[in-house]
Amino acid sequence: MTRYRLRPAVSEWDGGEMWAAALPDGPITWIGGVGAIALDMLMVDSPPCITVSQTAEDPAGVQGRTLHEIVMALREEIPRMPDDAEDVLAGFFDGLRASGIVERVEDGGS
């Protein structure tokens, strides 16, 4: 199982969009749409991490929110989320990894 967690980062809302950057050197990334809401959920989580799995049945003791939990929270706010929303968001978080905003931790990491 894979977890994504925030690296040191800053963000600022600009209307319904977000600017985010990994500290200390960026790059600054524009994030719009559902991605901004999903990243905001990750930023306000304590501890700041999500667990990415293909099922909602995660083993007990895994910290953070599952990708499934984030999708379910998004479904409450946004009507007509696509059936493949978990896969789309997993790809989104992988993209944020490339910009240094999140890091990926394999099961057993801290």
PDB file of N, CA and C in Angstrom:
ATOM      1  N   MET A   1       0.839  -1.167   0.000  1.00  0.00           N
ATOM      2  CA  MET A   1       0.000   0.000   0.000  1.00  0.00           C
ATOM      3  C   MET A   1       0.893   1.242   0.000  1.00  0.00           C
ATOM      4  N   THR A   2       0.446   2.253  -0.670  1.00  0.00           N
ATOM      5  CA  THR A   2       1.226   3.475  -0.810  1.00  0.00           C
ATOM      6  C   THR A   2       0.516   4.630  -0.125  1.00  0.00           C
ATOM      7  N   ARG A   3       1.307   5.418   0.605  1.00  0.00           N
ATOM      8  CA  ARG A   3       0.779   6.628   1.222  1.00  0.00           C
ATOM      9  C   ARG A   3       1.443   7.825   0.575  1.00  0.00           C
ATOM     10  N   TYR A   4       0.687   8.874   0.403  1.00  0.00           N
ATOM     11  CA  TYR A   4       1.243  10.150  -0.020  1.00  0.00           C
ATOM     12  C   TYR A   4       1.112  11.104   1.148  1.00  0.00           C
ATOM     13  N   ARG A   5       2.150  11.895   1.383  1.00  0.00           N
ATOM     14  CA  ARG A   5       2.048  12.891   2.438  1.00  0.00           C
ATOM     15  C   ARG A   5       2.689  14.182   1.962  1.00  0.00           C
ATOM     16  N   LEU A   6       2.256  15.251   2.576  1.00  0.00           N
ATOM     17  CA  LEU A   6       2.782  16.563   2.221  1.00  0.00           C
ATOM     18  C   LEU A   6       4.238  16.688   2.587  1.00  0.00           C
ATOM     19  N   ARG A   7       4.978  17.306   1.736  1.00  0.00           N
ATOM     20  CA  ARG A   7       6.309  17.776   2.074  1.00  0.00           C
ATOM     21  C   ARG A   7       6.109  19.209   2.554  1.00  0.00           C
ATOM     22  N   PRO A   8       7.118  19.841   3.110  1.00  0.00           N
ATOM     23  CA  PRO A   8       6.937  21.243   3.478  1.00  0.00           C
ATOM     24  C   PRO A   8       6.503  22.051   2.247  1.00  0.00           C
ATOM     25  N   ALA A   9       5.346  22.675   2.336  1.00  0.00           N
ATOM     26  CA  ALA A   9       4.779  23.384   1.187  1.00  0.00           C
ATOM     27  C   ALA A   9       3.934  24.554   1.670  1.00  0.00           C
ATOM     28  N   VAL A  10       3.695  25.473   0.774  1.00  0.00           N
ATOM     29  CA  VAL A  10       2.791  26.594   1.034  1.00  0.00           C
ATOM     30  C   VAL A  10       1.741  26.612  -0.055  1.00  0.00           C
ATOM     31  N   SER A  11       0.603  27.195   0.264  1.00  0.00           N
ATOM     32  CA  SER A  11      -0.454  27.316  -0.741  1.00  0.00           C
ATOM     33  C   SER A  11      -1.253  28.577  -0.491  1.00  0.00           C
ATOM     34  N   GLU A  12      -1.902  29.022  -1.546  1.00  0.00           N
ATOM     35  CA  GLU A  12      -2.771  30.186  -1.437  1.00  0.00           C
ATOM     36  C   GLU A  12      -3.918  30.021  -2.421  1.00  0.00           C
ATOM     37  N   TRP A  13      -5.127  30.242  -1.922  1.00  0.00           N
ATOM     38  CA  TRP A  13      -6.307  30.188  -2.774  1.00  0.00           C
ATOM     39  C   TRP A  13      -6.399  31.473  -3.583  1.00  0.00           C
ATOM     40  N   ASP A  14      -6.789  31.350  -4.828  1.00  0.00           N
ATOM     41  CA  ASP A  14      -7.011  32.479  -5.730  1.00  0.00           C
ATOM     42  C   ASP A  14      -8.344  32.221  -6.419  1.00  0.00           C
ATOM     43  N   GLY A  15      -9.416  32.691  -5.791  1.00  0.00           N
ATOM     44  CA  GLY A  15     -10.742  32.325  -6.277  1.00  0.00           C
ATOM     45  C   GLY A  15     -10.972  30.856  -5.987  1.00  0.00           C
ATOM     46  N   GLY A  16     -11.357  30.083  -6.988  1.00  0.00           N
ATOM     47  CA  GLY A  16     -11.555  28.647  -6.823  1.00  0.00           C
ATOM     48  C   GLY A  16     -10.346  27.832  -7.205  1.00  0.00           C
ATOM     49  N   GLU A  17      -9.213  28.487  -7.395  1.00  0.00           N
ATOM     50  CA  GLU A  17      -7.983  27.812  -7.795  1.00  0.00           C
ATOM     51  C   GLU A  17      -6.948  27.971  -6.696  1.00  0.00           C
ATOM     52  N   MET A  18      -5.897  27.185  -6.772  1.00  0.00           N
ATOM     53  CA  MET A  18      -4.870  27.226  -5.742  1.00  0.00           C
ATOM     54  C   MET A  18      -3.497  27.313  -6.388  1.00  0.00           C
ATOM     55  N   TRP A  19      -2.632  28.083  -5.759  1.00  0.00           N
ATOM     56  CA  TRP A  19      -1.214  28.100  -6.087  1.00  0.00           C
ATOM     57  C   TRP A  19      -0.516  27.375  -4.955  1.00  0.00           C
ATOM     58  N   ALA A  20       0.361  26.447  -5.274  1.00  0.00           N
ATOM     59  CA  ALA A  20       1.075  25.693  -4.236  1.00  0.00           C
ATOM     60  C   ALA A  20       2.528  25.532  -4.659  1.00  0.00           C
ATOM     61  N   ALA A  21       3.391  25.460  -3.664  1.00  0.00           N
ATOM     62  CA  ALA A  21       4.818  25.280  -3.950  1.00  0.00           C
ATOM     63  C   ALA A  21       5.473  24.524  -2.811  1.00  0.00           C
ATOM     64  N   ALA A  22       6.399  23.660  -3.179  1.00  0.00           N
ATOM     65  CA  ALA A  22       7.226  22.981  -2.182  1.00  0.00           C
ATOM     66  C   ALA A  22       8.234  23.989  -1.653  1.00  0.00           C
ATOM     67  N   LEU A  23       8.529  23.899  -0.364  1.00  0.00           N
ATOM     68  CA  LEU A  23       9.522  24.780   0.246  1.00  0.00           C
ATOM     69  C   LEU A  23      10.885  24.092   0.230  1.00  0.00           C
ATOM     70  N   PRO A  24      11.981  24.746   0.068  1.00  0.00           N
ATOM     71  CA  PRO A  24      12.094  26.200  -0.018  1.00  0.00           C
ATOM     72  C   PRO A  24      12.127  26.732  -1.445  1.00  0.00           C
ATOM     73  N   ASP A  25      12.239  25.869  -2.464  1.00  0.00           N
ATOM     74  CA  ASP A  25      12.548  26.341  -3.812  1.00  0.00           C
ATOM     75  C   ASP A  25      11.469  26.144  -4.868  1.00  0.00           C
ATOM     76  N   GLY A  26      10.297  25.681  -4.498  1.00  0.00           N
ATOM     77  CA  GLY A  26       9.253  25.536  -5.512  1.00  0.00           C
ATOM     78  C   GLY A  26       9.429  24.271  -6.330  1.00  0.00           C
ATOM     79  N   PRO A  27       8.921  24.200  -7.511  1.00  0.00           N
ATOM     80  CA  PRO A  27       8.320  25.265  -8.300  1.00  0.00           C
ATOM     81  C   PRO A  27       6.901  25.598  -7.849  1.00  0.00           C
ATOM     82  N   ILE A  28       6.442  26.767  -8.240  1.00  0.00           N
ATOM     83  CA  ILE A  28       5.063  27.166  -7.951  1.00  0.00           C
ATOM     84  C   ILE A  28       4.170  26.463  -8.963  1.00  0.00           C
ATOM     85  N   THR A  29       3.115  25.832  -8.462  1.00  0.00           N
ATOM     86  CA  THR A  29       2.224  25.037  -9.298  1.00  0.00           C
ATOM     87  C   THR A  29       0.804  25.575  -9.181  1.00  0.00           C
ATOM     88  N   TRP A  30       0.142  25.773 -10.326  1.00  0.00           N
ATOM     89  CA  TRP A  30      -1.263  26.164 -10.333  1.00  0.00           C
ATOM     90  C   TRP A  30      -2.098  24.899 -10.307  1.00  0.00           C
ATOM     91  N   ILE A  31      -3.084  24.867  -9.408  1.00  0.00           N
ATOM     92  CA  ILE A  31      -3.943  23.694  -9.278  1.00  0.00           C
ATOM     93  C   ILE A  31      -5.385  24.178  -9.313  1.00  0.00           C
ATOM     94  N   GLY A  32      -6.163  23.626 -10.205  1.00  0.00           N
ATOM     95  CA  GLY A  32      -7.554  24.024 -10.337  1.00  0.00           C
ATOM     96  C   GLY A  32      -8.501  22.870 -10.127  1.00  0.00           C
ATOM     97  N   GLY A  33      -9.762  23.196 -10.117  1.00  0.00           N
ATOM     98  CA  GLY A  33     -10.816  22.196 -10.073  1.00  0.00           C
ATOM     99  C   GLY A  33     -10.793  21.317  -8.834  1.00  0.00           C
ATOM    100  N   VAL A  34     -11.156  20.071  -9.027  1.00  0.00           N
ATOM    101  CA  VAL A  34     -11.245  19.110  -7.936  1.00  0.00           C
ATOM    102  C   VAL A  34      -9.875  18.870  -7.309  1.00  0.00           C
ATOM    103  N   GLY A  35      -8.815  18.992  -8.100  1.00  0.00           N
ATOM    104  CA  GLY A  35      -7.470  18.792  -7.566  1.00  0.00           C
ATOM    105  C   GLY A  35      -7.156  19.750  -6.434  1.00  0.00           C
ATOM    106  N   ALA A  36      -7.592  21.001  -6.567  1.00  0.00           N
ATOM    107  CA  ALA A  36      -7.345  21.985  -5.509  1.00  0.00           C
ATOM    108  C   ALA A  36      -8.080  21.604  -4.231  1.00  0.00           C
ATOM    109  N   ILE A  37      -9.288  21.122  -4.373  1.00  0.00           N
ATOM    110  CA  ILE A  37     -10.072  20.712  -3.198  1.00  0.00           C
ATOM    111  C   ILE A  37      -9.431  19.487  -2.549  1.00  0.00           C
ATOM    112  N   ALA A  38      -9.001  18.528  -3.361  1.00  0.00           N
ATOM    113  CA  ALA A  38      -8.364  17.315  -2.828  1.00  0.00           C
ATOM    114  C   ALA A  38      -7.063  17.656  -2.113  1.00  0.00           C
ATOM    115  N   LEU A  39      -6.254  18.545  -2.692  1.00  0.00           N
ATOM    116  CA  LEU A  39      -5.007  18.928  -2.037  1.00  0.00           C
ATOM    117  C   LEU A  39      -5.297  19.678  -0.747  1.00  0.00           C
ATOM    118  N   ASP A  40      -6.314  20.515  -0.753  1.00  0.00           N
ATOM    119  CA  ASP A  40      -6.686  21.233   0.465  1.00  0.00           C
ATOM    120  C   ASP A  40      -7.085  20.252   1.570  1.00  0.00           C
ATOM    121  N   MET A  41      -7.802  19.178   1.222  1.00  0.00           N
ATOM    122  CA  MET A  41      -8.153  18.150   2.215  1.00  0.00           C
ATOM    123  C   MET A  41      -6.888  17.535   2.804  1.00  0.00           C
ATOM    124  N   LEU A  42      -5.893  17.303   1.961  1.00  0.00           N
ATOM    125  CA  LEU A  42      -4.636  16.731   2.422  1.00  0.00           C
ATOM    126  C   LEU A  42      -3.898  17.720   3.322  1.00  0.00           C
ATOM    127  N   MET A  43      -3.954  19.001   2.968  1.00  0.00           N
ATOM    128  CA  MET A  43      -3.242  20.007   3.742  1.00  0.00           C
ATOM    129  C   MET A  43      -3.823  20.225   5.135  1.00  0.00           C
ATOM    130  N   VAL A  44      -5.114  20.022   5.305  1.00  0.00           N
ATOM    131  CA  VAL A  44      -5.709  20.232   6.620  1.00  0.00           C
ATOM    132  C   VAL A  44      -5.766  18.958   7.451  1.00  0.00           C
ATOM    133  N   ASP A  45      -5.370  17.826   6.843  1.00  0.00           N
ATOM    134  CA  ASP A  45      -5.346  16.560   7.586  1.00  0.00           C
ATOM    135  C   ASP A  45      -4.278  16.572   8.666  1.00  0.00           C
ATOM    136  N   SER A  46      -4.524  15.827   9.699  1.00  0.00           N
ATOM    137  CA  SER A  46      -3.517  15.645  10.735  1.00  0.00           C
ATOM    138  C   SER A  46      -3.495  14.164  11.080  1.00  0.00           C
ATOM    139  N   PRO A  47      -2.433  13.430  10.836  1.00  0.00           N
ATOM    140  CA  PRO A  47      -1.191  13.820  10.172  1.00  0.00           C
ATOM    141  C   PRO A  47      -1.432  14.022   8.677  1.00  0.00           C
ATOM    142  N   PRO A  48      -0.584  14.822   8.021  1.00  0.00           N
ATOM    143  CA  PRO A  48      -0.826  15.144   6.620  1.00  0.00           C
ATOM    144  C   PRO A  48      -0.418  14.028   5.672  1.00  0.00           C
ATOM    145  N   CYS A  49      -1.249  13.006   5.567  1.00  0.00           N
ATOM    146  CA  CYS A  49      -0.963  11.957   4.600  1.00  0.00           C
ATOM    147  C   CYS A  49      -2.252  11.263   4.204  1.00  0.00           C
ATOM    148  N   ILE A  50      -2.260  10.659   3.049  1.00  0.00           N
ATOM    149  CA  ILE A  50      -3.368   9.828   2.611  1.00  0.00           C
ATOM    150  C   ILE A  50      -2.805   8.475   2.243  1.00  0.00           C
ATOM    151  N   THR A  51      -3.618   7.473   2.294  1.00  0.00           N
ATOM    152  CA  THR A  51      -3.214   6.140   1.890  1.00  0.00           C
ATOM    153  C   THR A  51      -3.897   5.832   0.572  1.00  0.00           C
ATOM    154  N   VAL A  52      -3.119   5.466  -0.421  1.00  0.00           N
ATOM    155  CA  VAL A  52      -3.672   5.149  -1.724  1.00  0.00           C
ATOM    156  C   VAL A  52      -3.808   3.642  -1.827  1.00  0.00           C
ATOM    157  N   SER A  53      -5.022   3.172  -1.996  1.00  0.00           N
ATOM    158  CA  SER A  53      -5.275   1.755  -2.184  1.00  0.00           C
ATOM    159  C   SER A  53      -6.450   1.619  -3.132  1.00  0.00           C
ATOM    160  N   GLN A  54      -6.625   0.451  -3.648  1.00  0.00           N
ATOM    161  CA  GLN A  54      -7.720   0.241  -4.586  1.00  0.00           C
ATOM    162  C   GLN A  54      -8.991  -0.222  -3.878  1.00  0.00           C
ATOM    163  N   THR A  55      -8.929  -0.400  -2.555  1.00  0.00           N
ATOM    164  CA  THR A  55     -10.119  -0.807  -1.826  1.00  0.00           C
ATOM    165  C   THR A  55     -10.319   0.108  -0.638  1.00  0.00           C
ATOM    166  N   ALA A  56     -11.526   0.125  -0.146  1.00  0.00           N
ATOM    167  CA  ALA A  56     -11.824   0.931   1.039  1.00  0.00           C
ATOM    168  C   ALA A  56     -11.425   0.190   2.308  1.00  0.00           C
ATOM    169  N   GLU A  57     -11.063  -1.068   2.204  1.00  0.00           N
ATOM    170  CA  GLU A  57     -10.742  -1.907   3.351  1.00  0.00           C
ATOM    171  C   GLU A  57      -9.252  -1.861   3.656  1.00  0.00           C
ATOM    172  N   ASP A  58      -8.807  -0.845   4.353  1.00  0.00           N
ATOM    173  CA  ASP A  58      -7.394  -0.723   4.710  1.00  0.00           C
ATOM    174  C   ASP A  58      -7.145  -1.370   6.058  1.00  0.00           C
ATOM    175  N   PRO A  59      -5.945  -1.916   6.265  1.00  0.00           N
ATOM    176  CA  PRO A  59      -5.652  -2.533   7.555  1.00  0.00           C
ATOM    177  C   PRO A  59      -5.714  -1.520   8.691  1.00  0.00           C
ATOM    178  N   ALA A  60      -6.117  -1.994   9.840  1.00  0.00           N
ATOM    179  CA  ALA A  60      -6.183  -1.117  11.014  1.00  0.00           C
ATOM    180  C   ALA A  60      -4.796  -0.581  11.326  1.00  0.00           C
ATOM    181  N   GLY A  61      -4.743   0.630  11.835  1.00  0.00           N
ATOM    182  CA  GLY A  61      -3.476   1.208  12.231  1.00  0.00           C
ATOM    183  C   GLY A  61      -2.797   2.035  11.156  1.00  0.00           C
ATOM    184  N   VAL A  62      -3.302   2.039   9.943  1.00  0.00           N
ATOM    185  CA  VAL A  62      -2.705   2.855   8.891  1.00  0.00           C
ATOM    186  C   VAL A  62      -3.151   4.292   9.109  1.00  0.00           C
ATOM    187  N   GLN A  63      -2.187   5.188   9.249  1.00  0.00           N
ATOM    188  CA  GLN A  63      -2.521   6.585   9.493  1.00  0.00           C
ATOM    189  C   GLN A  63      -2.899   7.281   8.201  1.00  0.00           C
ATOM    190  N   GLY A  64      -3.675   8.351   8.343  1.00  0.00           N
ATOM    191  CA  GLY A  64      -4.066   9.160   7.203  1.00  0.00           C
ATOM    192  C   GLY A  64      -5.411   8.754   6.652  1.00  0.00           C
ATOM    193  N   ARG A  65      -5.763   9.392   5.559  1.00  0.00           N
ATOM    194  CA  ARG A  65      -7.026   9.102   4.884  1.00  0.00           C
ATOM    195  C   ARG A  65      -6.741   8.290   3.645  1.00  0.00           C
ATOM    196  N   THR A  66      -7.601   7.369   3.361  1.00  0.00           N
ATOM    197  CA  THR A  66      -7.446   6.627   2.121  1.00  0.00           C
ATOM    198  C   THR A  66      -7.904   7.495   0.961  1.00  0.00           C
ATOM    199  N   LEU A  67      -7.442   7.167  -0.211  1.00  0.00           N
ATOM    200  CA  LEU A  67      -7.897   7.851  -1.404  1.00  0.00           C
ATOM    201  C   LEU A  67      -9.412   7.683  -1.532  1.00  0.00           C
ATOM    202  N   HIS A  68      -9.900   6.518  -1.162  1.00  0.00           N
ATOM    203  CA  HIS A  68     -11.342   6.266  -1.190  1.00  0.00           C
ATOM    204  C   HIS A  68     -12.079   7.262  -0.284  1.00  0.00           C
ATOM    205  N   GLU A  69     -11.551   7.521   0.904  1.00  0.00           N
ATOM    206  CA  GLU A  69     -12.192   8.469   1.822  1.00  0.00           C
ATOM    207  C   GLU A  69     -12.211   9.880   1.240  1.00  0.00           C
ATOM    208  N   ILE A  70     -11.128  10.268   0.587  1.00  0.00           N
ATOM    209  CA  ILE A  70     -11.103  11.592  -0.032  1.00  0.00           C
ATOM    210  C   ILE A  70     -12.130  11.664  -1.156  1.00  0.00           C
ATOM    211  N   VAL A  71     -12.217  10.621  -1.971  1.00  0.00           N
ATOM    212  CA  VAL A  71     -13.204  10.605  -3.055  1.00  0.00           C
ATOM    213  C   VAL A  71     -14.614  10.674  -2.483  1.00  0.00           C
ATOM    214  N   MET A  72     -14.880   9.943  -1.408  1.00  0.00           N
ATOM    215  CA  MET A  72     -16.220   9.983  -0.811  1.00  0.00           C
ATOM    216  C   MET A  72     -16.538  11.382  -0.282  1.00  0.00           C
ATOM    217  N   ALA A  73     -15.561  12.050   0.325  1.00  0.00           N
ATOM    218  CA  ALA A  73     -15.780  13.418   0.800  1.00  0.00           C
ATOM    219  C   ALA A  73     -16.019  14.360  -0.379  1.00  0.00           C
ATOM    220  N   LEU A  74     -15.288  14.164  -1.451  1.00  0.00           N
ATOM    221  CA  LEU A  74     -15.491  14.987  -2.642  1.00  0.00           C
ATOM    222  C   LEU A  74     -16.869  14.755  -3.243  1.00  0.00           C
ATOM    223  N   ARG A  75     -17.327  13.501  -3.231  1.00  0.00           N
ATOM    224  CA  ARG A  75     -18.660  13.190  -3.766  1.00  0.00           C
ATOM    225  C   ARG A  75     -19.762  13.928  -3.006  1.00  0.00           C
ATOM    226  N   GLU A  76     -19.543  14.203  -1.723  1.00  0.00           N
ATOM    227  CA  GLU A  76     -20.533  14.958  -0.952  1.00  0.00           C
ATOM    228  C   GLU A  76     -20.611  16.404  -1.415  1.00  0.00           C
ATOM    229  N   GLU A  77     -19.498  16.944  -1.915  1.00  0.00           N
ATOM    230  CA  GLU A  77     -19.441  18.337  -2.337  1.00  0.00           C
ATOM    231  C   GLU A  77     -19.670  18.534  -3.829  1.00  0.00           C
ATOM    232  N   ILE A  78     -19.301  17.544  -4.620  1.00  0.00           N
ATOM    233  CA  ILE A  78     -19.319  17.694  -6.076  1.00  0.00           C
ATOM    234  C   ILE A  78     -20.186  16.604  -6.688  1.00  0.00           C
ATOM    235  N   PRO A  79     -21.289  16.991  -7.304  1.00  0.00           N
ATOM    236  CA  PRO A  79     -22.153  15.986  -7.922  1.00  0.00           C
ATOM    237  C   PRO A  79     -21.500  15.374  -9.165  1.00  0.00           C
ATOM    238  N   ARG A  80     -21.854  14.170  -9.443  1.00  0.00           N
ATOM    239  CA  ARG A  80     -21.438  13.454 -10.651  1.00  0.00           C
ATOM    240  C   ARG A  80     -19.938  13.246 -10.787  1.00  0.00           C
ATOM    241  N   MET A  81     -19.292  12.858  -9.695  1.00  0.00           N
ATOM    242  CA  MET A  81     -17.873  12.483  -9.785  1.00  0.00           C
ATOM    243  C   MET A  81     -17.792  11.226 -10.654  1.00  0.00           C
ATOM    244  N   PRO A  82     -16.763  11.132 -11.491  1.00  0.00           N
ATOM    245  CA  PRO A  82     -16.660   9.953 -12.366  1.00  0.00           C
ATOM    246  C   PRO A  82     -16.381   8.676 -11.573  1.00  0.00           C
ATOM    247  N   ASP A  83     -16.736   7.552 -12.161  1.00  0.00           N
ATOM    248  CA  ASP A  83     -16.522   6.261 -11.510  1.00  0.00           C
ATOM    249  C   ASP A  83     -15.041   5.982 -11.261  1.00  0.00           C
ATOM    250  N   ASP A  84     -14.174   6.510 -12.107  1.00  0.00           N
ATOM    251  CA  ASP A  84     -12.739   6.252 -11.965  1.00  0.00           C
ATOM    252  C   ASP A  84     -12.025   7.364 -11.187  1.00  0.00           C
ATOM    253  N   ALA A  85     -12.748   8.061 -10.314  1.00  0.00           N
ATOM    254  CA  ALA A  85     -12.185   9.203  -9.578  1.00  0.00           C
ATOM    255  C   ALA A  85     -10.955   8.811  -8.757  1.00  0.00           C
ATOM    256  N   GLU A  86     -10.936   7.619  -8.167  1.00  0.00           N
ATOM    257  CA  GLU A  86      -9.772   7.203  -7.382  1.00  0.00           C
ATOM    258  C   GLU A  86      -8.526   7.100  -8.259  1.00  0.00           C
ATOM    259  N   ASP A  87      -8.680   6.523  -9.443  1.00  0.00           N
ATOM    260  CA  ASP A  87      -7.546   6.405 -10.357  1.00  0.00           C
ATOM    261  C   ASP A  87      -7.068   7.777 -10.821  1.00  0.00           C
ATOM    262  N   VAL A  88      -8.012   8.668 -11.109  1.00  0.00           N
ATOM    263  CA  VAL A  88      -7.663  10.011 -11.557  1.00  0.00           C
ATOM    264  C   VAL A  88      -6.906  10.751 -10.459  1.00  0.00           C
ATOM    265  N   LEU A  89      -7.402  10.671  -9.216  1.00  0.00           N
ATOM    266  CA  LEU A  89      -6.731  11.356  -8.115  1.00  0.00           C
ATOM    267  C   LEU A  89      -5.376  10.732  -7.788  1.00  0.00           C
ATOM    268  N   ALA A  90      -5.244   9.429  -7.949  1.00  0.00           N
ATOM    269  CA  ALA A  90      -3.933   8.802  -7.741  1.00  0.00           C
ATOM    270  C   ALA A  90      -2.924   9.374  -8.745  1.00  0.00           C
ATOM    271  N   GLY A  91      -3.346   9.546  -9.991  1.00  0.00           N
ATOM    272  CA  GLY A  91      -2.476  10.156 -10.993  1.00  0.00           C
ATOM    273  C   GLY A  91      -2.166  11.605 -10.664  1.00  0.00           C
ATOM    274  N   PHE A  92      -3.149  12.321 -10.134  1.00  0.00           N
ATOM    275  CA  PHE A  92      -2.951  13.710  -9.732  1.00  0.00           C
ATOM    276  C   PHE A  92      -1.890  13.816  -8.641  1.00  0.00           C
ATOM    277  N   PHE A  93      -1.997  12.969  -7.610  1.00  0.00           N
ATOM    278  CA  PHE A  93      -1.007  13.006  -6.535  1.00  0.00           C
ATOM    279  C   PHE A  93       0.379  12.583  -7.027  1.00  0.00           C
ATOM    280  N   ASP A  94       0.439  11.678  -7.998  1.00  0.00           N
ATOM    281  CA  ASP A  94       1.738  11.346  -8.597  1.00  0.00           C
ATOM    282  C   ASP A  94       2.334  12.562  -9.293  1.00  0.00           C
ATOM    283  N   GLY A  95       1.490  13.373  -9.931  1.00  0.00           N
ATOM    284  CA  GLY A  95       1.968  14.597 -10.558  1.00  0.00           C
ATOM    285  C   GLY A  95       2.496  15.594  -9.543  1.00  0.00           C
ATOM    286  N   LEU A  96       1.823  15.687  -8.400  1.00  0.00           N
ATOM    287  CA  LEU A  96       2.297  16.578  -7.340  1.00  0.00           C
ATOM    288  C   LEU A  96       3.633  16.098  -6.777  1.00  0.00           C
ATOM    289  N   ARG A  97       3.851  14.804  -6.843  1.00  0.00           N
ATOM    290  CA  ARG A  97       5.145  14.260  -6.426  1.00  0.00           C
ATOM    291  C   ARG A  97       6.265  14.822  -7.283  1.00  0.00           C
ATOM    292  N   ALA A  98       6.012  14.946  -8.562  1.00  0.00           N
ATOM    293  CA  ALA A  98       7.031  15.463  -9.473  1.00  0.00           C
ATOM    294  C   ALA A  98       7.383  16.915  -9.152  1.00  0.00           C
ATOM    295  N   SER A  99       6.431  17.680  -8.616  1.00  0.00           N
ATOM    296  CA  SER A  99       6.709  19.075  -8.276  1.00  0.00           C
ATOM    297  C   SER A  99       7.194  19.228  -6.839  1.00  0.00           C
ATOM    298  N   GLY A 100       7.299  18.116  -6.102  1.00  0.00           N
ATOM    299  CA  GLY A 100       7.846  18.154  -4.751  1.00  0.00           C
ATOM    300  C   GLY A 100       6.865  18.523  -3.660  1.00  0.00           C
ATOM    301  N   ILE A 101       5.589  18.654  -3.996  1.00  0.00           N
ATOM    302  CA  ILE A 101       4.592  19.054  -2.999  1.00  0.00           C
ATOM    303  C   ILE A 101       4.230  17.881  -2.100  1.00  0.00           C
ATOM    304  N   VAL A 102       4.195  16.687  -2.648  1.00  0.00           N
ATOM    305  CA  VAL A 102       3.934  15.487  -1.846  1.00  0.00           C
ATOM    306  C   VAL A 102       5.063  14.493  -2.067  1.00  0.00           C
ATOM    307  N   GLU A 103       5.185  13.558  -1.150  1.00  0.00           N
ATOM    308  CA  GLU A 103       6.132  12.455  -1.313  1.00  0.00           C
ATOM    309  C   GLU A 103       5.382  11.156  -1.124  1.00  0.00           C
ATOM    310  N   ARG A 104       5.920  10.110  -1.693  1.00  0.00           N
ATOM    311  CA  ARG A 104       5.294   8.803  -1.610  1.00  0.00           C
ATOM    312  C   ARG A 104       6.069   7.957  -0.623  1.00  0.00           C
ATOM    313  N   VAL A 105       5.341   7.326   0.289  1.00  0.00           N
ATOM    314  CA  VAL A 105       5.944   6.479   1.325  1.00  0.00           C
ATOM    315  C   VAL A 105       5.310   5.097   1.207  1.00  0.00           C
ATOM    316  N   GLU A 106       6.140   4.103   1.036  1.00  0.00           N
ATOM    317  CA  GLU A 106       5.626   2.733   0.957  1.00  0.00           C
ATOM    318  C   GLU A 106       5.249   2.239   2.347  1.00  0.00           C
ATOM    319  N   ASP A 107       4.368   1.262   2.394  1.00  0.00           N
ATOM    320  CA  ASP A 107       3.913   0.694   3.664  1.00  0.00           C
ATOM    321  C   ASP A 107       5.101   0.361   4.559  1.00  0.00           C
ATOM    322  N   GLY A 108       5.021   0.769   5.808  1.00  0.00           N
ATOM    323  CA  GLY A 108       6.101   0.514   6.746  1.00  0.00           C
ATOM    324  C   GLY A 108       7.014   1.712   6.904  1.00  0.00           C
ATOM    325  N   GLY A 109       6.886   2.742   6.015  1.00  0.00           N
ATOM    326  CA  GLY A 109       7.692   3.951   6.142  1.00  0.00           C
ATOM    327  C   GLY A 109       7.101   4.885   7.175  1.00  0.00           C
ATOM    328  N   SER A 110       7.858   5.884   7.579  1.00  0.00           N
ATOM    329  CA  SER A 110       7.326   6.818   8.562  1.00  0.00           C
ATOM    330  C   SER A 110       7.103   8.163   7.945  1.00  0.00           C
TER     331      SER A 110
END
